[in-house]
């Protein structure tokens, strides 16, 4: 039985882990907005130009469009990703080495568990990503729509304000469900699978290899600095290499608001290549790599702290 003071410590630490995930989303979201605009073909040729354009027309708040939904779901998403990884790894090791084996996971075991994570998290992540991208892609609502009014002596013109298509995440979801059904929330899900399955392999494998490499001799667990650094580097590697399919996913999810340009993954790749060349698939690579460091460092730090809490509780 856990005493009341132990329960308080566990809850306090759990809140710290969740807060780390929330902080990483808030820190990374401005770069994510820039990345989304670049990848979806929003008229900017590079990162700096895109950021300056947002700042000029939408002010600082423009960088945080679509933040609320990822922020609300980050705790669930991280819990699912890390929980599935730990359990999949345990089951795979039990199957391969026996119930009582104390052997650590081999590289193949980590890869297999990472694939399971990629398959599991897309179910949650696809609607969150879709809503986030739809909100991020909403540009300033004021456009010059001139209506000529003929008076007695002169011709006047006035500008009308176009209302934004989505007023927030709830309105966005309801509108997508009304117009496109449940399938609409999973637009681009195939590209997300192709991004996340190899992406998680290049997420967990580098993390574990780097932790093992930086672990002091004689220790069985990495220190917090090693966890933070290994997690950040792994995040940069994973997000940087995932960029080509991330571009395709972003374009498919941003598609279908006013018109549908892409029939699927292959058609999107063909159209993008024909119009913009091979370089289109590397838009936002630097932003992805930079943004991946703090987000992943916080995620793995929370993961290792949670494991330590569980081990201390059991002992």
C-alpha atoms as a PDB file:
ATOM      1  CA  UNK A   1       0.000   0.000   0.000  1.00  0.00           C
ATOM      2  CA  UNK A   2       1.235   3.506  -0.860  1.00  0.00           C
ATOM      3  CA  UNK A   3       1.194   6.036   2.002  1.00  0.00           C
ATOM      4  CA  UNK A   4      -0.423   9.468   1.534  1.00  0.00           C
ATOM      5  CA  UNK A   5       2.961  11.220   1.394  1.00  0.00           C
ATOM      6  CA  UNK A   6       4.146   8.758  -1.268  1.00  0.00           C
ATOM      7  CA  UNK A   7       0.958   9.330  -3.277  1.00  0.00           C
ATOM      8  CA  UNK A   8       1.553  13.081  -3.106  1.00  0.00           C
ATOM      9  CA  UNK A   9       5.134  12.636  -4.368  1.00  0.00           C
ATOM     10  CA  UNK A  10       3.986  10.416  -7.229  1.00  0.00           C
ATOM     11  CA  UNK A  11       1.258  12.862  -8.272  1.00  0.00           C
ATOM     12  CA  UNK A  12       3.626  15.816  -7.971  1.00  0.00           C
ATOM     13  CA  UNK A  13       6.225  14.138 -10.168  1.00  0.00           C
ATOM     14  CA  UNK A  14       3.562  13.042 -12.659  1.00  0.00           C
ATOM     15  CA  UNK A  15       2.435  16.674 -12.923  1.00  0.00           C
ATOM     16  CA  UNK A  16       6.059  17.683 -13.545  1.00  0.00           C
ATOM     17  CA  UNK A  17       6.304  15.140 -16.387  1.00  0.00           C
ATOM     18  CA  UNK A  18       3.073  16.399 -17.958  1.00  0.00           C
ATOM     19  CA  UNK A  19       4.236  20.001 -17.541  1.00  0.00           C
ATOM     20  CA  UNK A  20       7.478  19.155 -19.358  1.00  0.00           C
ATOM     21  CA  UNK A  21       5.472  17.790 -22.284  1.00  0.00           C
ATOM     22  CA  UNK A  22       3.230  20.869 -22.329  1.00  0.00           C
ATOM     23  CA  UNK A  23       6.260  23.171 -22.143  1.00  0.00           C
ATOM     24  CA  UNK A  24       7.890  21.375 -25.079  1.00  0.00           C
ATOM     25  CA  UNK A  25       4.730  21.843 -27.193  1.00  0.00           C
ATOM     26  CA  UNK A  26       4.556  25.555 -26.373  1.00  0.00           C
ATOM     27  CA  UNK A  27       8.262  26.064 -27.132  1.00  0.00           C
ATOM     28  CA  UNK A  28       8.133  24.063 -30.361  1.00  0.00           C
ATOM     29  CA  UNK A  29       4.809  25.329 -31.751  1.00  0.00           C
ATOM     30  CA  UNK A  30       6.048  28.589 -33.352  1.00  0.00           C
ATOM     31  CA  UNK A  31       8.612  26.597 -35.352  1.00  0.00           C
ATOM     32  CA  UNK A  32       5.937  24.011 -36.151  1.00  0.00           C
ATOM     33  CA  UNK A  33       3.709  26.749 -37.592  1.00  0.00           C
ATOM     34  CA  UNK A  34       6.567  28.016 -39.771  1.00  0.00           C
ATOM     35  CA  UNK A  35       7.325  24.452 -40.855  1.00  0.00           C
ATOM     36  CA  UNK A  36       3.688  23.764 -41.750  1.00  0.00           C
ATOM     37  CA  UNK A  37       3.392  26.951 -43.824  1.00  0.00           C
ATOM     38  CA  UNK A  38       6.624  26.114 -45.673  1.00  0.00           C
ATOM     39  CA  UNK A  39       5.678  22.502 -46.358  1.00  0.00           C
ATOM     40  CA  UNK A  40       2.114  23.213 -47.415  1.00  0.00           C
ATOM     41  CA  UNK A  41       3.334  25.720 -50.020  1.00  0.00           C
ATOM     42  CA  UNK A  42       2.198  28.993 -48.488  1.00  0.00           C
ATOM     43  CA  UNK A  43       4.191  31.265 -50.797  1.00  0.00           C
ATOM     44  CA  UNK A  44       7.383  31.611 -48.715  1.00  0.00           C
ATOM     45  CA  UNK A  45      10.682  30.431 -50.155  1.00  0.00           C
ATOM     46  CA  UNK A  46      12.596  29.985 -46.882  1.00  0.00           C
ATOM     47  CA  UNK A  47      12.232  29.808 -43.116  1.00  0.00           C
ATOM     48  CA  UNK A  48      13.201  33.425 -42.351  1.00  0.00           C
ATOM     49  CA  UNK A  49      10.877  34.841 -45.021  1.00  0.00           C
ATOM     50  CA  UNK A  50       8.006  32.700 -43.728  1.00  0.00           C
ATOM     51  CA  UNK A  51       8.583  33.762 -40.108  1.00  0.00           C
ATOM     52  CA  UNK A  52       8.785  37.459 -41.049  1.00  0.00           C
ATOM     53  CA  UNK A  53       5.623  37.153 -43.119  1.00  0.00           C
ATOM     54  CA  UNK A  54       3.701  35.673 -40.181  1.00  0.00           C
ATOM     55  CA  UNK A  55       5.039  38.342 -37.839  1.00  0.00           C
ATOM     56  CA  UNK A  56       4.111  41.151 -40.244  1.00  0.00           C
ATOM     57  CA  UNK A  57       0.574  40.057 -41.105  1.00  0.00           C
ATOM     58  CA  UNK A  58      -0.499  38.068 -38.030  1.00  0.00           C
ATOM     59  CA  UNK A  59       1.769  39.411 -35.277  1.00  0.00           C
ATOM     60  CA  UNK A  60       3.237  37.198 -32.557  1.00  0.00           C
ATOM     61  CA  UNK A  61      -0.064  35.389 -31.971  1.00  0.00           C
ATOM     62  CA  UNK A  62       0.114  34.001 -35.512  1.00  0.00           C
ATOM     63  CA  UNK A  63       2.883  31.617 -34.471  1.00  0.00           C
ATOM     64  CA  UNK A  64       0.570  29.964 -31.949  1.00  0.00           C
ATOM     65  CA  UNK A  65      -2.373  29.140 -34.218  1.00  0.00           C
ATOM     66  CA  UNK A  66      -3.675  25.623 -33.597  1.00  0.00           C
ATOM     67  CA  UNK A  67      -1.817  25.273 -30.282  1.00  0.00           C
ATOM     68  CA  UNK A  68      -4.750  24.377 -28.010  1.00  0.00           C
ATOM     69  CA  UNK A  69      -5.539  20.922 -29.414  1.00  0.00           C
ATOM     70  CA  UNK A  70      -1.940  19.536 -29.340  1.00  0.00           C
ATOM     71  CA  UNK A  71      -1.483  21.092 -25.891  1.00  0.00           C
ATOM     72  CA  UNK A  72      -4.612  19.369 -24.563  1.00  0.00           C
ATOM     73  CA  UNK A  73      -3.647  15.988 -26.027  1.00  0.00           C
ATOM     74  CA  UNK A  74       0.126  15.900 -25.398  1.00  0.00           C
ATOM     75  CA  UNK A  75      -0.146  14.043 -22.065  1.00  0.00           C
ATOM     76  CA  UNK A  76      -2.324  11.309 -23.597  1.00  0.00           C
ATOM     77  CA  UNK A  77      -0.176  11.081 -26.732  1.00  0.00           C
ATOM     78  CA  UNK A  78       3.120  10.779 -24.836  1.00  0.00           C
ATOM     79  CA  UNK A  79       1.600   8.286 -22.393  1.00  0.00           C
ATOM     80  CA  UNK A  80       0.386   6.090 -25.252  1.00  0.00           C
ATOM     81  CA  UNK A  81       3.665   6.318 -27.192  1.00  0.00           C
ATOM     82  CA  UNK A  82       5.941   5.538 -24.251  1.00  0.00           C
ATOM     83  CA  UNK A  83       3.527   3.045 -22.664  1.00  0.00           C
ATOM     84  CA  UNK A  84       3.171   1.091 -25.917  1.00  0.00           C
ATOM     85  CA  UNK A  85       6.962   1.161 -26.418  1.00  0.00           C
ATOM     86  CA  UNK A  86       7.695  -0.204 -22.927  1.00  0.00           C
ATOM     87  CA  UNK A  87       5.027  -2.918 -23.080  1.00  0.00           C
ATOM     88  CA  UNK A  88       5.799  -3.950 -26.667  1.00  0.00           C
ATOM     89  CA  UNK A  89       9.484  -4.212 -25.810  1.00  0.00           C
ATOM     90  CA  UNK A  90       8.703  -6.300 -22.703  1.00  0.00           C
ATOM     91  CA  UNK A  91       6.396  -8.675 -24.597  1.00  0.00           C
ATOM     92  CA  UNK A  92       8.887  -9.082 -27.459  1.00  0.00           C
ATOM     93  CA  UNK A  93      11.738  -9.834 -25.042  1.00  0.00           C
ATOM     94  CA  UNK A  94       9.598 -12.352 -23.110  1.00  0.00           C
ATOM     95  CA  UNK A  95       8.656 -14.080 -26.367  1.00  0.00           C
ATOM     96  CA  UNK A  96      12.242 -14.224 -27.655  1.00  0.00           C
ATOM     97  CA  UNK A  97      14.241 -14.893 -24.473  1.00  0.00           C
ATOM     98  CA  UNK A  98      11.770 -16.448 -22.037  1.00  0.00           C
ATOM     99  CA  UNK A  99       9.674 -15.209 -19.115  1.00  0.00           C
ATOM    100  CA  UNK A 100      12.429 -15.040 -16.488  1.00  0.00           C
ATOM    101  CA  UNK A 101      15.227 -13.759 -18.702  1.00  0.00           C
ATOM    102  CA  UNK A 102      17.116 -10.689 -17.490  1.00  0.00           C
ATOM    103  CA  UNK A 103      18.672 -10.041 -20.879  1.00  0.00           C
ATOM    104  CA  UNK A 104      18.213  -6.515 -22.174  1.00  0.00           C
ATOM    105  CA  UNK A 105      16.520  -5.783 -25.498  1.00  0.00           C
ATOM    106  CA  UNK A 106      18.570  -6.265 -28.661  1.00  0.00           C
ATOM    107  CA  UNK A 107      18.553  -3.705 -31.476  1.00  0.00           C
ATOM    108  CA  UNK A 108      15.980  -5.777 -33.398  1.00  0.00           C
ATOM    109  CA  UNK A 109      13.683  -5.747 -30.344  1.00  0.00           C
ATOM    110  CA  UNK A 110      13.845  -1.947 -30.130  1.00  0.00           C
ATOM    111  CA  UNK A 111      13.076  -1.652 -33.858  1.00  0.00           C
ATOM    112  CA  UNK A 112      10.083  -4.001 -33.573  1.00  0.00           C
ATOM    113  CA  UNK A 113       8.710  -2.115 -30.539  1.00  0.00           C
ATOM    114  CA  UNK A 114       9.181   1.183 -32.399  1.00  0.00           C
ATOM    115  CA  UNK A 115       7.124  -0.105 -35.327  1.00  0.00           C
ATOM    116  CA  UNK A 116       4.297  -1.013 -32.915  1.00  0.00           C
ATOM    117  CA  UNK A 117       4.423   2.521 -31.473  1.00  0.00           C
ATOM    118  CA  UNK A 118       4.150   4.030 -34.964  1.00  0.00           C
ATOM    119  CA  UNK A 119       1.109   1.892 -35.727  1.00  0.00           C
ATOM    120  CA  UNK A 120      -0.592   2.695 -32.405  1.00  0.00           C
ATOM    121  CA  UNK A 121      -0.041   6.441 -32.124  1.00  0.00           C
ATOM    122  CA  UNK A 122      -1.320   7.414 -35.576  1.00  0.00           C
ATOM    123  CA  UNK A 123      -4.882   6.646 -34.448  1.00  0.00           C
ATOM    124  CA  UNK A 124      -4.612   9.466 -31.903  1.00  0.00           C
ATOM    125  CA  UNK A 125      -2.159  11.669 -33.767  1.00  0.00           C
ATOM    126  CA  UNK A 126      -3.837  11.900 -37.181  1.00  0.00           C
ATOM    127  CA  UNK A 127      -6.936  13.935 -36.097  1.00  0.00           C
ATOM    128  CA  UNK A 128      -4.804  16.129 -33.804  1.00  0.00           C
ATOM    129  CA  UNK A 129      -2.360  16.872 -36.623  1.00  0.00           C
ATOM    130  CA  UNK A 130      -5.160  17.513 -39.109  1.00  0.00           C
ATOM    131  CA  UNK A 131      -6.943  20.046 -36.882  1.00  0.00           C
ATOM    132  CA  UNK A 132      -3.654  21.714 -35.964  1.00  0.00           C
ATOM    133  CA  UNK A 133      -2.640  22.106 -39.607  1.00  0.00           C
ATOM    134  CA  UNK A 134      -6.069  23.392 -40.694  1.00  0.00           C
ATOM    135  CA  UNK A 135      -5.906  26.085 -37.994  1.00  0.00           C
ATOM    136  CA  UNK A 136      -2.264  26.913 -38.729  1.00  0.00           C
ATOM    137  CA  UNK A 137      -3.040  27.419 -42.409  1.00  0.00           C
ATOM    138  CA  UNK A 138      -5.687  30.066 -41.746  1.00  0.00           C
ATOM    139  CA  UNK A 139      -4.216  33.338 -42.953  1.00  0.00           C
ATOM    140  CA  UNK A 140      -5.529  36.787 -41.952  1.00  0.00           C
ATOM    141  CA  UNK A 141      -9.254  36.963 -42.545  1.00  0.00           C
ATOM    142  CA  UNK A 142      -9.283  40.492 -43.888  1.00  0.00           C
ATOM    143  CA  UNK A 143      -9.252  40.632 -47.676  1.00  0.00           C
ATOM    144  CA  UNK A 144     -10.274  43.395 -49.987  1.00  0.00           C
ATOM    145  CA  UNK A 145     -13.622  42.427 -51.397  1.00  0.00           C
ATOM    146  CA  UNK A 146     -14.834  45.510 -53.184  1.00  0.00           C
ATOM    147  CA  UNK A 147     -18.477  46.275 -53.657  1.00  0.00           C
ATOM    148  CA  UNK A 148     -19.266  49.203 -55.854  1.00  0.00           C
ATOM    149  CA  UNK A 149     -22.019  51.438 -54.607  1.00  0.00           C
ATOM    150  CA  UNK A 150     -23.336  53.885 -57.165  1.00  0.00           C
ATOM    151  CA  UNK A 151     -24.347  57.153 -55.581  1.00  0.00           C
ATOM    152  CA  UNK A 152     -25.700  60.356 -57.021  1.00  0.00           C
ATOM    153  CA  UNK A 153     -22.320  61.860 -57.769  1.00  0.00           C
ATOM    154  CA  UNK A 154     -19.609  59.295 -57.036  1.00  0.00           C
ATOM    155  CA  UNK A 155     -18.530  55.673 -56.937  1.00  0.00           C
ATOM    156  CA  UNK A 156     -17.586  54.300 -53.548  1.00  0.00           C
ATOM    157  CA  UNK A 157     -15.901  51.062 -52.629  1.00  0.00           C
ATOM    158  CA  UNK A 158     -15.743  49.306 -49.286  1.00  0.00           C
ATOM    159  CA  UNK A 159     -13.833  46.287 -47.982  1.00  0.00           C
ATOM    160  CA  UNK A 160     -15.625  43.370 -46.419  1.00  0.00           C
ATOM    161  CA  UNK A 161     -14.129  41.108 -43.750  1.00  0.00           C
ATOM    162  CA  UNK A 162     -14.173  37.402 -44.591  1.00  0.00           C
ATOM    163  CA  UNK A 163     -14.865  35.331 -41.506  1.00  0.00           C
ATOM    164  CA  UNK A 164     -12.285  32.599 -40.766  1.00  0.00           C
ATOM    165  CA  UNK A 165     -13.322  29.138 -41.887  1.00  0.00           C
ATOM    166  CA  UNK A 166     -12.589  27.609 -38.474  1.00  0.00           C
ATOM    167  CA  UNK A 167     -13.210  29.475 -35.218  1.00  0.00           C
ATOM    168  CA  UNK A 168     -11.285  26.955 -33.107  1.00  0.00           C
ATOM    169  CA  UNK A 169     -10.520  23.227 -32.744  1.00  0.00           C
ATOM    170  CA  UNK A 170     -14.071  22.208 -31.754  1.00  0.00           C
ATOM    171  CA  UNK A 171     -15.597  24.149 -34.644  1.00  0.00           C
ATOM    172  CA  UNK A 172     -12.961  22.704 -36.978  1.00  0.00           C
ATOM    173  CA  UNK A 173     -13.760  19.121 -35.936  1.00  0.00           C
ATOM    174  CA  UNK A 174     -17.523  19.622 -36.229  1.00  0.00           C
ATOM    175  CA  UNK A 175     -17.164  21.206 -39.674  1.00  0.00           C
ATOM    176  CA  UNK A 176     -14.914  18.395 -40.933  1.00  0.00           C
ATOM    177  CA  UNK A 177     -17.316  15.750 -39.579  1.00  0.00           C
ATOM    178  CA  UNK A 178     -20.289  17.506 -41.181  1.00  0.00           C
ATOM    179  CA  UNK A 179     -18.650  17.918 -44.580  1.00  0.00           C
ATOM    180  CA  UNK A 180     -16.310  14.915 -44.827  1.00  0.00           C
ATOM    181  CA  UNK A 181     -17.393  12.444 -42.147  1.00  0.00           C
ATOM    182  CA  UNK A 182     -15.067  10.444 -39.869  1.00  0.00           C
ATOM    183  CA  UNK A 183     -12.780   9.740 -42.849  1.00  0.00           C
ATOM    184  CA  UNK A 184     -12.162  13.478 -43.115  1.00  0.00           C
ATOM    185  CA  UNK A 185     -10.414  13.483 -39.723  1.00  0.00           C
ATOM    186  CA  UNK A 186      -8.011  10.865 -41.055  1.00  0.00           C
ATOM    187  CA  UNK A 187      -7.059  12.620 -44.267  1.00  0.00           C
ATOM    188  CA  UNK A 188      -3.356  11.954 -44.903  1.00  0.00           C
ATOM    189  CA  UNK A 189      -3.266   9.014 -42.479  1.00  0.00           C
ATOM    190  CA  UNK A 190      -1.360   6.825 -44.972  1.00  0.00           C
ATOM    191  CA  UNK A 191       1.413   9.413 -45.265  1.00  0.00           C
ATOM    192  CA  UNK A 192       1.469   9.676 -41.480  1.00  0.00           C
ATOM    193  CA  UNK A 193       2.042   5.926 -41.177  1.00  0.00           C
ATOM    194  CA  UNK A 194       4.875   6.176 -43.696  1.00  0.00           C
ATOM    195  CA  UNK A 195       6.347   9.055 -41.679  1.00  0.00           C
ATOM    196  CA  UNK A 196       5.867   7.721 -38.150  1.00  0.00           C
ATOM    197  CA  UNK A 197       6.781   4.032 -38.436  1.00  0.00           C
ATOM    198  CA  UNK A 198      10.360   4.650 -39.675  1.00  0.00           C
ATOM    199  CA  UNK A 199      10.373   7.902 -37.677  1.00  0.00           C
ATOM    200  CA  UNK A 200       9.900   6.100 -34.355  1.00  0.00           C
ATOM    201  CA  UNK A 201      12.603   3.578 -35.302  1.00  0.00           C
ATOM    202  CA  UNK A 202      14.970   6.513 -35.840  1.00  0.00           C
ATOM    203  CA  UNK A 203      13.702   7.949 -32.556  1.00  0.00           C
ATOM    204  CA  UNK A 204      14.105   5.123 -30.058  1.00  0.00           C
ATOM    205  CA  UNK A 205      17.128   3.362 -31.613  1.00  0.00           C
ATOM    206  CA  UNK A 206      19.475   6.418 -31.595  1.00  0.00           C
ATOM    207  CA  UNK A 207      18.219   7.302 -28.113  1.00  0.00           C
ATOM    208  CA  UNK A 208      19.104   3.908 -26.662  1.00  0.00           C
ATOM    209  CA  UNK A 209      22.434   3.719 -28.500  1.00  0.00           C
ATOM    210  CA  UNK A 210      23.444   7.206 -27.335  1.00  0.00           C
ATOM    211  CA  UNK A 211      22.374   6.501 -23.742  1.00  0.00           C
ATOM    212  CA  UNK A 212      24.467   3.307 -23.720  1.00  0.00           C
ATOM    213  CA  UNK A 213      27.435   5.163 -25.217  1.00  0.00           C
ATOM    214  CA  UNK A 214      27.282   8.035 -22.698  1.00  0.00           C
ATOM    215  CA  UNK A 215      26.531   5.872 -19.657  1.00  0.00           C
ATOM    216  CA  UNK A 216      29.374   5.982 -17.105  1.00  0.00           C
ATOM    217  CA  UNK A 217      31.184   2.670 -16.590  1.00  0.00           C
ATOM    218  CA  UNK A 218      29.632   0.616 -13.825  1.00  0.00           C
ATOM    219  CA  UNK A 219      26.233   2.342 -14.003  1.00  0.00           C
ATOM    220  CA  UNK A 220      23.070   0.529 -15.023  1.00  0.00           C
ATOM    221  CA  UNK A 221      20.960   3.625 -15.732  1.00  0.00           C
ATOM    222  CA  UNK A 222      21.864   6.841 -17.585  1.00  0.00           C
ATOM    223  CA  UNK A 223      22.096  10.148 -15.720  1.00  0.00           C
ATOM    224  CA  UNK A 224      19.573  12.889 -16.456  1.00  0.00           C
ATOM    225  CA  UNK A 225      22.003  14.916 -18.580  1.00  0.00           C
ATOM    226  CA  UNK A 226      22.650  11.878 -20.816  1.00  0.00           C
ATOM    227  CA  UNK A 227      18.891  11.303 -21.106  1.00  0.00           C
ATOM    228  CA  UNK A 228      18.280  14.941 -22.042  1.00  0.00           C
ATOM    229  CA  UNK A 229      21.088  15.053 -24.621  1.00  0.00           C
ATOM    230  CA  UNK A 230      20.383  11.621 -26.133  1.00  0.00           C
ATOM    231  CA  UNK A 231      16.660  12.394 -26.341  1.00  0.00           C
ATOM    232  CA  UNK A 232      17.270  15.730 -28.029  1.00  0.00           C
ATOM    233  CA  UNK A 233      19.712  14.327 -30.589  1.00  0.00           C
ATOM    234  CA  UNK A 234      17.384  11.387 -31.307  1.00  0.00           C
ATOM    235  CA  UNK A 235      14.516  13.832 -31.870  1.00  0.00           C
ATOM    236  CA  UNK A 236      16.570  15.906 -34.297  1.00  0.00           C
ATOM    237  CA  UNK A 237      17.580  12.782 -36.244  1.00  0.00           C
ATOM    238  CA  UNK A 238      14.031  11.408 -36.351  1.00  0.00           C
ATOM    239  CA  UNK A 239      12.299  14.653 -37.370  1.00  0.00           C
ATOM    240  CA  UNK A 240      15.015  15.642 -39.828  1.00  0.00           C
ATOM    241  CA  UNK A 241      14.875  12.346 -41.711  1.00  0.00           C
ATOM    242  CA  UNK A 242      11.051  12.280 -41.623  1.00  0.00           C
ATOM    243  CA  UNK A 243      10.780  15.587 -43.509  1.00  0.00           C
ATOM    244  CA  UNK A 244      10.036  14.250 -47.044  1.00  0.00           C
ATOM    245  CA  UNK A 245       6.987  12.283 -45.919  1.00  0.00           C
ATOM    246  CA  UNK A 246       6.093  15.062 -43.461  1.00  0.00           C
ATOM    247  CA  UNK A 247       5.792  17.403 -46.456  1.00  0.00           C
ATOM    248  CA  UNK A 248       3.419  14.984 -48.198  1.00  0.00           C
ATOM    249  CA  UNK A 249       1.361  14.542 -45.014  1.00  0.00           C
ATOM    250  CA  UNK A 250       1.127  18.306 -44.445  1.00  0.00           C
ATOM    251  CA  UNK A 251      -0.032  18.924 -48.013  1.00  0.00           C
ATOM    252  CA  UNK A 252      -2.645  16.173 -47.876  1.00  0.00           C
ATOM    253  CA  UNK A 253      -4.010  17.406 -44.539  1.00  0.00           C
ATOM    254  CA  UNK A 254      -4.075  21.059 -45.653  1.00  0.00           C
ATOM    255  CA  UNK A 255      -5.846  19.962 -48.854  1.00  0.00           C
ATOM    256  CA  UNK A 256      -9.608  19.788 -49.188  1.00  0.00           C
ATOM    257  CA  UNK A 257     -10.562  23.040 -47.458  1.00  0.00           C
ATOM    258  CA  UNK A 258     -11.757  24.910 -50.539  1.00  0.00           C
ATOM    259  CA  UNK A 259     -10.740  22.396 -53.209  1.00  0.00           C
ATOM    260  CA  UNK A 260      -9.118  18.978 -53.389  1.00  0.00           C
ATOM    261  CA  UNK A 261      -5.889  18.979 -55.385  1.00  0.00           C
ATOM    262  CA  UNK A 262      -4.459  15.584 -54.457  1.00  0.00           C
ATOM    263  CA  UNK A 263      -6.038  12.169 -55.009  1.00  0.00           C
ATOM    264  CA  UNK A 264      -3.632  10.386 -52.673  1.00  0.00           C
ATOM    265  CA  UNK A 265      -0.016   9.937 -51.624  1.00  0.00           C
ATOM    266  CA  UNK A 266       1.346   9.006 -55.054  1.00  0.00           C
ATOM    267  CA  UNK A 267      -0.553  11.792 -56.811  1.00  0.00           C
ATOM    268  CA  UNK A 268       0.648  14.323 -54.226  1.00  0.00           C
ATOM    269  CA  UNK A 269       4.283  13.235 -54.682  1.00  0.00           C
ATOM    270  CA  UNK A 270       3.980  13.413 -58.481  1.00  0.00           C
ATOM    271  CA  UNK A 271       2.334  16.845 -58.459  1.00  0.00           C
ATOM    272  CA  UNK A 272       4.814  18.297 -55.970  1.00  0.00           C
ATOM    273  CA  UNK A 273       7.805  16.956 -57.905  1.00  0.00           C
ATOM    274  CA  UNK A 274       6.531  18.165 -61.280  1.00  0.00           C
ATOM    275  CA  UNK A 275       5.816  21.686 -60.032  1.00  0.00           C
ATOM    276  CA  UNK A 276       8.636  22.284 -57.524  1.00  0.00           C
ATOM    277  CA  UNK A 277      11.282  19.623 -58.111  1.00  0.00           C
ATOM    278  CA  UNK A 278      13.039  17.373 -55.616  1.00  0.00           C
ATOM    279  CA  UNK A 279      13.811  20.200 -53.174  1.00  0.00           C
ATOM    280  CA  UNK A 280      10.121  20.480 -52.216  1.00  0.00           C
ATOM    281  CA  UNK A 281      10.442  17.293 -50.147  1.00  0.00           C
ATOM    282  CA  UNK A 282      13.117  18.872 -47.955  1.00  0.00           C
ATOM    283  CA  UNK A 283      11.217  22.019 -47.030  1.00  0.00           C
ATOM    284  CA  UNK A 284      11.385  22.576 -43.297  1.00  0.00           C
ATOM    285  CA  UNK A 285      14.205  20.077 -42.662  1.00  0.00           C
ATOM    286  CA  UNK A 286      16.233  22.507 -40.553  1.00  0.00           C
ATOM    287  CA  UNK A 287      13.135  23.640 -38.659  1.00  0.00           C
ATOM    288  CA  UNK A 288      12.142  20.026 -37.998  1.00  0.00           C
ATOM    289  CA  UNK A 289      15.614  19.148 -36.692  1.00  0.00           C
ATOM    290  CA  UNK A 290      15.838  22.232 -34.445  1.00  0.00           C
ATOM    291  CA  UNK A 291      12.289  21.814 -33.140  1.00  0.00           C
ATOM    292  CA  UNK A 292      12.809  18.087 -32.535  1.00  0.00           C
ATOM    293  CA  UNK A 293      15.567  18.640 -29.964  1.00  0.00           C
ATOM    294  CA  UNK A 294      13.728  20.367 -27.062  1.00  0.00           C
ATOM    295  CA  UNK A 295      10.483  18.442 -27.628  1.00  0.00           C
ATOM    296  CA  UNK A 296      12.157  15.028 -27.592  1.00  0.00           C
ATOM    297  CA  UNK A 297      14.576  15.920 -24.786  1.00  0.00           C
ATOM    298  CA  UNK A 298      11.606  16.801 -22.558  1.00  0.00           C
ATOM    299  CA  UNK A 299       9.687  13.686 -23.596  1.00  0.00           C
ATOM    300  CA  UNK A 300      12.520  11.252 -22.794  1.00  0.00           C
ATOM    301  CA  UNK A 301      13.349  13.067 -19.563  1.00  0.00           C
ATOM    302  CA  UNK A 302       9.742  12.575 -18.483  1.00  0.00           C
ATOM    303  CA  UNK A 303       9.904   8.930 -19.589  1.00  0.00           C
ATOM    304  CA  UNK A 304      13.009   8.140 -17.541  1.00  0.00           C
ATOM    305  CA  UNK A 305      11.646  10.014 -14.515  1.00  0.00           C
ATOM    306  CA  UNK A 306       8.432   7.974 -14.744  1.00  0.00           C
ATOM    307  CA  UNK A 307      10.444   4.731 -14.857  1.00  0.00           C
ATOM    308  CA  UNK A 308      12.480   5.844 -11.850  1.00  0.00           C
ATOM    309  CA  UNK A 309       9.290   6.669  -9.928  1.00  0.00           C
ATOM    310  CA  UNK A 310       7.899   3.220 -10.738  1.00  0.00           C
ATOM    311  CA  UNK A 311      11.113   1.466  -9.683  1.00  0.00           C
ATOM    312  CA  UNK A 312      11.343   3.460  -6.430  1.00  0.00           C
ATOM    313  CA  UNK A 313       7.672   2.715  -5.709  1.00  0.00           C
ATOM    314  CA  UNK A 314       8.157  -1.019  -6.244  1.00  0.00           C
ATOM    315  CA  UNK A 315      11.218  -1.100  -4.008  1.00  0.00           C
END
